[in-house]
Every structure is written in structure tokens, then in C-alpha cells.
N, C-alpha and C. Protein backbone atom coordinates (compact mmCIF):
# COMPACT_ATOMS: atom_id res chain seq x y z
N MET A 1 -130.77 1.23 -74.72
CA MET A 1 -130.03 1.02 -75.95
C MET A 1 -129.93 2.35 -76.46
N SER A 2 -128.77 2.83 -77.08
CA SER A 2 -128.36 4.09 -77.41
C SER A 2 -129.11 4.19 -78.92
N ARG A 3 -129.27 5.31 -79.39
CA ARG A 3 -129.86 5.55 -80.62
C ARG A 3 -128.70 5.33 -81.65
N LYS A 4 -129.11 5.17 -82.76
CA LYS A 4 -128.09 4.90 -84.00
C LYS A 4 -128.30 6.24 -84.88
N VAL A 5 -127.24 6.73 -85.18
CA VAL A 5 -127.43 8.10 -86.01
C VAL A 5 -127.24 7.49 -87.61
N ILE A 6 -127.98 7.54 -88.34
CA ILE A 6 -128.07 7.26 -89.70
C ILE A 6 -127.82 8.43 -90.63
N ARG A 7 -126.77 8.77 -91.18
CA ARG A 7 -126.39 9.83 -92.03
C ARG A 7 -126.82 9.57 -93.53
N MET A 8 -127.74 10.51 -94.00
CA MET A 8 -128.16 10.00 -95.52
C MET A 8 -126.81 10.47 -96.50
N PRO A 9 -126.48 9.75 -97.73
CA PRO A 9 -125.62 10.28 -98.18
C PRO A 9 -125.89 11.43 -98.89
N LEU A 10 -125.09 12.40 -99.25
CA LEU A 10 -125.39 13.55 -100.31
C LEU A 10 -125.24 13.39 -101.66
N SER A 11 -126.11 13.91 -102.24
CA SER A 11 -126.41 13.60 -103.47
C SER A 11 -125.30 14.38 -104.16
N GLY A 12 -124.99 14.28 -105.62
CA GLY A 12 -123.82 14.77 -106.33
C GLY A 12 -123.76 16.20 -106.18
N GLY A 13 -125.16 16.86 -106.46
CA GLY A 13 -125.26 18.35 -106.49
C GLY A 13 -125.06 18.83 -105.23
N ASP A 14 -125.37 18.12 -104.07
CA ASP A 14 -125.26 18.69 -102.77
C ASP A 14 -123.61 18.69 -102.34
N ARG A 15 -123.10 17.61 -102.77
CA ARG A 15 -121.53 17.49 -102.32
C ARG A 15 -120.87 18.74 -103.36
N LYS A 16 -121.16 18.92 -104.40
CA LYS A 16 -120.60 20.21 -105.36
C LYS A 16 -120.95 21.35 -104.63
N PHE A 17 -121.98 21.78 -104.30
CA PHE A 17 -122.33 22.92 -103.42
C PHE A 17 -121.59 23.14 -102.21
N TYR A 18 -121.20 22.28 -101.40
CA TYR A 18 -120.59 21.88 -100.20
C TYR A 18 -119.31 22.37 -100.65
N ALA A 19 -118.63 21.77 -101.67
CA ALA A 19 -117.18 21.97 -101.92
C ALA A 19 -117.06 23.44 -102.44
N ARG A 20 -118.03 23.93 -103.26
CA ARG A 20 -117.88 25.46 -103.57
C ARG A 20 -117.91 26.31 -102.38
N GLU A 21 -118.97 25.96 -101.28
CA GLU A 21 -119.08 26.87 -100.20
C GLU A 21 -117.99 26.65 -99.33
N LEU A 22 -117.29 25.43 -99.33
CA LEU A 22 -116.33 25.22 -98.40
C LEU A 22 -115.01 26.25 -99.07
N ALA A 23 -114.81 26.09 -100.38
CA ALA A 23 -113.77 26.96 -101.03
C ALA A 23 -113.83 28.41 -100.91
N LYS A 24 -115.01 28.75 -101.05
CA LYS A 24 -115.43 30.35 -100.96
C LYS A 24 -115.08 30.72 -99.34
N ALA A 25 -115.45 29.94 -98.39
CA ALA A 25 -114.96 30.29 -96.95
C ALA A 25 -113.48 30.45 -96.72
N GLU A 26 -112.73 29.03 -97.34
CA GLU A 26 -111.29 29.45 -97.32
C GLU A 26 -110.63 30.57 -98.07
N ARG A 27 -111.08 30.94 -99.17
CA ARG A 27 -110.69 32.26 -99.77
C ARG A 27 -111.05 33.44 -98.85
N ARG A 28 -112.23 33.33 -98.45
CA ARG A 28 -112.67 34.53 -97.54
C ARG A 28 -111.78 34.85 -96.43
N HIS A 29 -111.32 33.73 -95.69
CA HIS A 29 -110.53 33.45 -94.56
C HIS A 29 -109.15 34.06 -94.77
N ALA A 30 -108.50 33.55 -95.84
CA ALA A 30 -107.20 34.09 -96.36
C ALA A 30 -107.32 35.45 -96.66
N GLU A 31 -108.38 36.09 -97.29
CA GLU A 31 -108.34 37.60 -97.24
C GLU A 31 -108.48 38.38 -96.00
N LEU A 32 -109.24 37.68 -95.14
CA LEU A 32 -109.40 38.39 -93.97
C LEU A 32 -108.01 38.59 -93.14
N VAL A 33 -107.43 37.29 -93.13
CA VAL A 33 -105.83 37.06 -92.48
C VAL A 33 -105.10 38.42 -93.08
N SER A 34 -105.00 38.57 -94.47
CA SER A 34 -104.13 39.56 -94.99
C SER A 34 -104.68 41.12 -94.55
N GLN A 35 -106.05 41.04 -94.50
CA GLN A 35 -106.37 42.78 -93.98
C GLN A 35 -106.23 42.65 -92.90
N VAL A 36 -106.24 41.59 -91.78
CA VAL A 36 -106.01 42.02 -90.38
C VAL A 36 -104.39 42.48 -90.29
N SER A 37 -103.57 41.62 -90.99
CA SER A 37 -102.06 41.94 -91.08
C SER A 37 -101.84 43.42 -91.27
N VAL A 38 -102.30 43.80 -92.25
CA VAL A 38 -102.41 45.25 -92.85
C VAL A 38 -102.87 46.11 -91.96
N ALA A 39 -103.83 45.77 -91.01
CA ALA A 39 -104.62 46.95 -90.08
C ALA A 39 -103.51 46.90 -89.11
N TYR A 40 -103.10 45.73 -88.44
CA TYR A 40 -102.22 45.82 -87.50
C TYR A 40 -100.89 46.66 -87.62
N GLY A 41 -100.43 46.40 -88.93
CA GLY A 41 -99.19 47.20 -89.27
C GLY A 41 -99.54 48.40 -89.43
N ALA A 42 -100.80 49.15 -89.80
CA ALA A 42 -100.76 50.37 -89.96
C ALA A 42 -101.17 50.87 -88.38
N ALA A 43 -101.73 50.24 -87.69
CA ALA A 43 -101.88 50.64 -86.14
C ALA A 43 -100.67 50.86 -85.59
N HIS A 44 -99.72 49.96 -85.71
CA HIS A 44 -98.39 49.87 -85.08
C HIS A 44 -97.38 51.18 -85.61
N ARG A 45 -97.66 51.21 -86.89
CA ARG A 45 -97.05 52.41 -87.46
C ARG A 45 -97.49 53.86 -86.93
N LEU A 46 -98.71 53.81 -86.98
CA LEU A 46 -99.07 55.11 -86.22
C LEU A 46 -98.75 55.29 -84.65
N ALA A 47 -98.91 54.10 -84.01
CA ALA A 47 -98.48 54.33 -82.65
C ALA A 47 -96.84 54.72 -82.42
N CYS A 48 -96.16 54.21 -83.40
CA CYS A 48 -94.57 54.54 -83.25
C CYS A 48 -94.57 56.15 -83.85
N GLU A 49 -95.34 56.38 -84.86
CA GLU A 49 -95.00 58.13 -84.99
C GLU A 49 -95.59 58.77 -84.06
N GLU A 50 -96.80 58.41 -83.48
CA GLU A 50 -97.20 59.29 -82.41
C GLU A 50 -96.26 59.48 -81.15
N TRP A 51 -95.71 58.26 -80.97
CA TRP A 51 -94.79 58.49 -79.95
C TRP A 51 -93.58 59.14 -80.23
N ASN A 52 -93.12 59.18 -81.53
CA ASN A 52 -92.09 60.05 -81.94
C ASN A 52 -92.04 61.46 -81.82
N VAL A 53 -93.42 61.77 -82.22
CA VAL A 53 -93.73 63.14 -82.31
C VAL A 53 -93.74 63.78 -80.73
N ARG A 54 -94.46 62.92 -79.94
CA ARG A 54 -94.44 63.11 -78.62
C ARG A 54 -93.06 63.41 -77.74
N MET A 55 -92.14 62.66 -78.38
CA MET A 55 -90.71 62.67 -77.79
C MET A 55 -90.30 64.00 -78.39
N PHE A 56 -90.17 64.15 -79.53
CA PHE A 56 -89.88 65.52 -80.41
C PHE A 56 -90.51 66.80 -79.58
N LEU A 57 -91.78 66.75 -79.26
CA LEU A 57 -92.24 67.78 -78.33
C LEU A 57 -92.12 67.91 -76.96
N GLY A 58 -91.39 66.90 -76.47
CA GLY A 58 -90.88 67.04 -74.99
C GLY A 58 -91.84 66.42 -73.94
N GLY A 59 -92.85 65.59 -74.44
CA GLY A 59 -93.66 64.99 -73.61
C GLY A 59 -93.23 63.70 -73.05
N PRO A 60 -93.99 63.20 -72.33
CA PRO A 60 -93.55 62.08 -71.24
C PRO A 60 -93.29 60.93 -72.23
N PRO A 61 -92.39 59.90 -71.95
CA PRO A 61 -92.20 58.79 -72.58
C PRO A 61 -93.43 57.70 -72.50
N GLU A 62 -94.01 57.80 -71.57
CA GLU A 62 -95.02 56.63 -71.29
C GLU A 62 -96.18 57.27 -71.68
N PRO A 63 -97.25 56.49 -72.28
CA PRO A 63 -97.42 55.38 -72.70
C PRO A 63 -96.40 55.05 -73.99
N SER A 64 -95.88 54.14 -74.19
CA SER A 64 -95.13 53.85 -75.58
C SER A 64 -95.56 52.72 -76.15
N PRO A 65 -95.37 52.30 -77.41
CA PRO A 65 -95.68 51.00 -78.07
C PRO A 65 -94.83 50.03 -77.55
N SER A 66 -95.13 48.54 -77.85
CA SER A 66 -94.29 47.59 -77.23
C SER A 66 -93.12 47.45 -78.08
N ILE A 67 -92.21 46.73 -77.78
CA ILE A 67 -90.96 46.65 -78.39
C ILE A 67 -91.34 45.91 -79.90
N GLN A 68 -92.33 44.69 -79.63
CA GLN A 68 -92.66 43.91 -80.64
C GLN A 68 -93.40 44.82 -81.89
N ALA A 69 -94.33 45.68 -81.18
CA ALA A 69 -94.97 46.58 -82.19
C ALA A 69 -94.03 47.46 -83.08
N ALA A 70 -93.01 48.07 -82.36
CA ALA A 70 -92.14 48.84 -82.94
C ALA A 70 -91.47 48.11 -84.18
N ILE A 71 -90.85 46.88 -83.65
CA ILE A 71 -90.37 45.81 -84.91
C ILE A 71 -91.32 45.31 -86.03
N ASP A 72 -92.60 45.36 -85.51
CA ASP A 72 -93.58 45.07 -86.56
C ASP A 72 -93.87 46.06 -87.48
N ALA A 73 -93.66 47.31 -86.88
CA ALA A 73 -93.82 48.70 -87.97
C ALA A 73 -92.61 48.85 -88.57
N GLY A 74 -91.53 48.22 -88.46
CA GLY A 74 -90.31 48.40 -89.31
C GLY A 74 -89.64 49.54 -88.52
N ARG A 75 -89.77 49.84 -87.47
CA ARG A 75 -89.25 50.62 -86.66
C ARG A 75 -88.14 49.95 -85.73
N VAL A 76 -86.89 49.66 -86.12
CA VAL A 76 -86.18 48.54 -85.43
C VAL A 76 -84.97 49.24 -84.56
N GLU A 77 -84.78 50.68 -84.89
CA GLU A 77 -83.70 51.20 -84.07
C GLU A 77 -84.29 52.11 -83.00
N LEU A 78 -83.81 52.22 -82.00
CA LEU A 78 -84.09 53.47 -80.86
C LEU A 78 -82.91 54.38 -80.62
N GLU A 79 -82.99 55.43 -80.94
CA GLU A 79 -82.08 56.47 -80.62
C GLU A 79 -82.27 56.99 -79.37
N VAL A 80 -81.15 56.93 -78.48
CA VAL A 80 -81.08 57.40 -77.12
C VAL A 80 -79.80 58.33 -77.07
N ARG A 81 -80.24 59.38 -76.03
CA ARG A 81 -79.05 60.47 -75.85
C ARG A 81 -78.79 60.55 -74.29
N TYR A 82 -77.57 60.48 -73.94
CA TYR A 82 -77.16 60.47 -72.48
C TYR A 82 -76.76 62.09 -72.33
N PRO A 83 -77.56 62.73 -71.52
CA PRO A 83 -77.54 64.17 -71.22
C PRO A 83 -76.32 64.70 -70.82
N ALA A 84 -75.78 63.69 -69.73
CA ALA A 84 -74.79 64.10 -68.90
C ALA A 84 -73.28 64.26 -69.59
N CYS A 85 -73.16 63.45 -70.76
CA CYS A 85 -71.91 63.42 -71.70
C CYS A 85 -72.24 64.07 -73.27
N GLY A 86 -73.70 64.11 -73.48
CA GLY A 86 -73.94 64.17 -74.94
C GLY A 86 -73.91 63.09 -75.79
N HIS A 87 -73.42 61.98 -75.39
CA HIS A 87 -73.22 60.87 -76.27
C HIS A 87 -74.61 60.36 -76.72
N ARG A 88 -74.71 60.05 -78.08
CA ARG A 88 -75.99 59.50 -78.70
C ARG A 88 -75.47 58.16 -79.28
N GLU A 89 -76.54 57.09 -78.97
CA GLU A 89 -76.59 56.01 -79.64
C GLU A 89 -77.52 55.55 -80.18
N ARG A 90 -77.82 54.33 -81.26
CA ARG A 90 -78.66 53.75 -81.68
C ARG A 90 -78.68 52.45 -81.34
N VAL A 91 -79.92 51.97 -80.70
CA VAL A 91 -80.09 50.39 -80.05
C VAL A 91 -80.82 49.77 -81.24
N PHE A 92 -80.37 48.58 -81.45
CA PHE A 92 -80.89 47.95 -82.54
C PHE A 92 -81.88 46.66 -81.67
N LEU A 93 -83.46 47.07 -81.78
CA LEU A 93 -84.24 46.39 -81.08
C LEU A 93 -84.24 44.82 -81.19
N PRO A 94 -84.25 44.25 -82.36
CA PRO A 94 -84.33 42.91 -82.46
C PRO A 94 -83.45 42.09 -81.81
N ASP A 95 -82.05 42.79 -81.63
CA ASP A 95 -81.05 42.24 -80.75
C ASP A 95 -81.18 42.21 -79.29
N LEU A 96 -82.01 42.96 -78.90
CA LEU A 96 -82.11 42.89 -77.27
C LEU A 96 -82.63 41.88 -76.56
N VAL A 97 -82.07 41.54 -75.33
CA VAL A 97 -82.75 40.39 -74.92
C VAL A 97 -83.72 40.89 -73.61
N TRP A 98 -84.82 41.22 -74.15
CA TRP A 98 -85.76 41.94 -73.40
C TRP A 98 -86.93 41.50 -73.72
N SER A 99 -88.11 41.34 -72.89
CA SER A 99 -89.36 40.87 -73.48
C SER A 99 -89.80 41.73 -74.40
N ARG A 100 -90.33 41.26 -75.34
CA ARG A 100 -90.98 42.05 -76.55
C ARG A 100 -92.19 42.57 -76.41
N GLU A 101 -93.08 42.10 -75.23
CA GLU A 101 -94.50 42.82 -74.95
C GLU A 101 -94.22 44.08 -73.99
N ARG A 102 -92.77 44.33 -73.46
CA ARG A 102 -92.75 45.55 -72.62
C ARG A 102 -92.54 46.56 -73.56
N PRO A 103 -93.13 47.66 -73.03
CA PRO A 103 -93.06 49.10 -73.55
C PRO A 103 -91.58 49.53 -73.71
N ILE A 104 -91.52 50.31 -74.84
CA ILE A 104 -90.20 51.00 -75.28
C ILE A 104 -89.39 51.91 -74.27
N HIS A 105 -90.68 52.53 -73.28
CA HIS A 105 -90.08 53.30 -72.14
C HIS A 105 -89.42 52.66 -71.16
N THR A 106 -89.68 51.33 -71.04
CA THR A 106 -89.02 50.57 -69.87
C THR A 106 -87.43 50.44 -70.22
N LEU A 107 -87.10 50.66 -71.46
CA LEU A 107 -85.58 50.41 -71.58
C LEU A 107 -84.57 51.48 -70.97
N ALA A 108 -85.28 52.77 -70.68
CA ALA A 108 -84.58 53.54 -70.25
C ALA A 108 -83.95 53.21 -68.91
N ASP A 109 -84.74 52.42 -68.08
CA ASP A 109 -84.31 51.90 -66.94
C ASP A 109 -82.92 50.77 -66.80
N VAL A 110 -82.72 50.37 -67.73
CA VAL A 110 -81.86 49.35 -67.98
C VAL A 110 -80.54 49.76 -68.94
N LEU A 111 -80.72 50.65 -69.71
CA LEU A 111 -79.65 51.25 -70.72
C LEU A 111 -78.66 52.17 -69.77
N PHE A 112 -77.51 52.11 -70.13
CA PHE A 112 -76.53 53.14 -69.48
C PHE A 112 -75.27 53.32 -70.53
N CYS A 113 -74.78 54.43 -70.28
CA CYS A 113 -73.74 54.97 -71.25
C CYS A 113 -72.47 54.17 -70.78
N ARG A 114 -71.99 53.54 -71.91
CA ARG A 114 -70.63 52.65 -71.85
C ARG A 114 -69.49 53.66 -71.70
N PRO A 115 -69.26 54.58 -72.54
CA PRO A 115 -68.09 55.33 -72.25
C PRO A 115 -68.01 55.98 -70.84
N CYS A 116 -68.92 56.53 -70.14
CA CYS A 116 -69.21 57.11 -68.97
C CYS A 116 -68.91 55.91 -67.93
N HIS A 117 -69.54 54.79 -68.07
CA HIS A 117 -69.31 53.76 -67.09
C HIS A 117 -67.77 53.28 -67.33
N ALA A 118 -67.27 53.27 -68.44
CA ALA A 118 -65.74 53.02 -68.41
C ALA A 118 -64.98 53.73 -67.60
N ASN A 119 -65.28 55.17 -68.00
CA ASN A 119 -64.18 56.27 -67.32
C ASN A 119 -64.68 56.20 -65.84
N SER A 120 -65.69 56.55 -65.44
CA SER A 120 -66.17 56.61 -64.05
C SER A 120 -66.62 55.93 -63.48
N LYS A 121 -67.15 54.54 -63.94
CA LYS A 121 -68.04 53.57 -63.30
C LYS A 121 -69.28 54.30 -62.90
N ALA A 122 -69.96 55.42 -63.51
CA ALA A 122 -71.43 55.62 -63.22
C ALA A 122 -72.17 55.31 -64.27
N LYS A 123 -73.27 54.92 -63.83
CA LYS A 123 -74.41 54.37 -64.77
C LYS A 123 -75.31 55.33 -65.00
N ARG A 124 -75.11 56.43 -65.91
CA ARG A 124 -76.08 57.35 -66.43
C ARG A 124 -77.09 56.77 -67.17
N ARG A 125 -78.10 56.85 -67.00
CA ARG A 125 -79.53 56.66 -67.84
C ARG A 125 -79.81 57.71 -68.73
N PRO A 126 -80.34 57.00 -70.17
CA PRO A 126 -80.53 57.80 -71.15
C PRO A 126 -81.76 58.61 -71.45
N GLU A 127 -81.78 59.45 -72.07
CA GLU A 127 -83.33 60.08 -72.69
C GLU A 127 -83.51 59.39 -74.03
N LEU A 128 -84.65 58.82 -74.23
CA LEU A 128 -85.21 58.31 -75.38
C LEU A 128 -85.59 59.31 -76.54
N VAL A 129 -84.94 59.09 -77.58
CA VAL A 129 -85.18 60.35 -78.86
C VAL A 129 -86.41 60.08 -79.56
N ALA A 130 -85.98 58.79 -80.31
CA ALA A 130 -87.09 58.48 -81.38
C ALA A 130 -86.75 56.95 -81.94
N LEU A 131 -87.75 56.53 -82.73
CA LEU A 131 -87.67 55.07 -83.34
C LEU A 131 -87.28 55.28 -84.68
N TYR A 132 -86.67 54.69 -85.15
CA TYR A 132 -86.29 54.81 -86.62
C TYR A 132 -86.28 53.37 -87.52
N GLU A 133 -86.37 53.38 -88.78
CA GLU A 133 -86.23 52.32 -89.54
C GLU A 133 -84.70 51.98 -89.57
N ALA A 134 -84.58 50.61 -89.84
CA ALA A 134 -83.15 50.39 -90.16
C ALA A 134 -82.46 51.44 -91.03
N ALA A 135 -81.30 51.67 -90.87
CA ALA A 135 -80.39 52.48 -91.72
C ALA A 135 -79.92 51.80 -92.77
N PRO A 136 -80.02 52.14 -94.28
CA PRO A 136 -79.38 51.30 -95.31
C PRO A 136 -78.12 51.17 -95.28
N PRO A 137 -77.31 50.15 -95.50
CA PRO A 137 -76.02 49.91 -95.44
C PRO A 137 -75.23 50.81 -96.11
N PRO A 138 -74.19 51.02 -95.63
CA PRO A 138 -73.25 52.25 -96.41
C PRO A 138 -72.97 52.00 -97.85
N ALA A 139 -72.95 52.73 -98.70
CA ALA A 139 -72.42 52.45 -100.13
C ALA A 139 -70.77 52.23 -100.04
N THR A 140 -70.47 51.26 -101.05
CA THR A 140 -69.27 51.09 -101.28
C THR A 140 -68.81 52.06 -102.18
N PRO A 141 -67.39 52.63 -102.30
CA PRO A 141 -67.07 53.46 -103.36
C PRO A 141 -67.10 53.02 -104.80
N ALA A 142 -67.22 51.64 -105.14
CA ALA A 142 -67.17 51.31 -106.32
C ALA A 142 -68.69 51.51 -106.95
N ALA A 143 -69.71 51.06 -106.00
CA ALA A 143 -71.07 51.29 -106.23
C ALA A 143 -71.47 52.99 -106.44
N ALA A 144 -70.86 53.75 -105.65
CA ALA A 144 -71.25 54.94 -105.91
C ALA A 144 -70.68 55.67 -107.20
N ARG A 145 -69.32 54.91 -107.82
CA ARG A 145 -68.91 55.46 -108.88
C ARG A 145 -69.91 55.02 -110.19
N ARG A 146 -70.58 53.84 -109.96
CA ARG A 146 -71.41 53.26 -110.97
C ARG A 146 -72.62 54.03 -110.90
N ALA A 147 -73.13 54.69 -109.87
CA ALA A 147 -74.45 55.34 -109.86
C ALA A 147 -74.22 56.76 -110.59
N ARG A 148 -72.95 56.97 -110.71
CA ARG A 148 -72.88 58.49 -111.31
C ARG A 148 -73.03 58.41 -112.73
């Protein structure tokens, strides 16, 4: 024969205490979730800044932050320069069909200069320059007049 578990009913004071503790735990959980997202955002921003400074100083491109980390940090544009022709271009990271977990420096192996490829069929690979925030849309002439 199996044992029968008999649960004693909670008194009114115990139910109220349990409800208060449960509400406190849910509020604390929401606070921790927001703190974690802020901490991850700060860490991603710092990783992107460090990588930008290293690229400016002429250091190696690897290790680099992941594409998703750059997007999370608000750095959604990658500037690349093609040394053979001097052409510069900005790549919008959210539009890439590339795994978000891959590091930024792996893009140098798949990007190539379109003008050079159209002219000479050569696939010249780029140098990675820096990660940037999205550029604001250009101001219309009417908006520029109103701003004055």
C-alpha cells in the first residue's frame, strides 16, 4: 500500500505571507532581468569599442565581437576598405545572411569589391575598418530650413 500524503490547509495569515513573498520574488526577478540586459549591453559596447581602437591602431582583426554582440551594442554598420582600389563601403550587419554567432572578422573572407569584380572579375578582399552606429537619415531641405 502506498502512503497517502495529506496536505494541511494553510491559514489565512500563511496564505497572505506566501502571496507577499511570491510577489517580492517576481519583482526581484524582473529587476535582475533588467540589470542583466544592461550589463550585457555595456559588455557588448565595450567589446566593440576595444575592437574599433585595435583596428585604428593597426592590430589584428581577431578576436572580434560576434555579429549579434555588435548589433546588440547598436553598432550595426561595418566599414570596410578595399586596399587595391581604395573603395570604401559600409555593410549593414542586420541584413547579412550570415550566422549571428560568427565573429566580425570572418566577414573579411566572404566580402569582395563589387566594382573590381565587375571590371576585372577579381574578388579582392577588404580590410575591416570599424563598427559604427546607424547613420541618421539625411535631412530634407524643408526640415533644414525649419531648423534655422
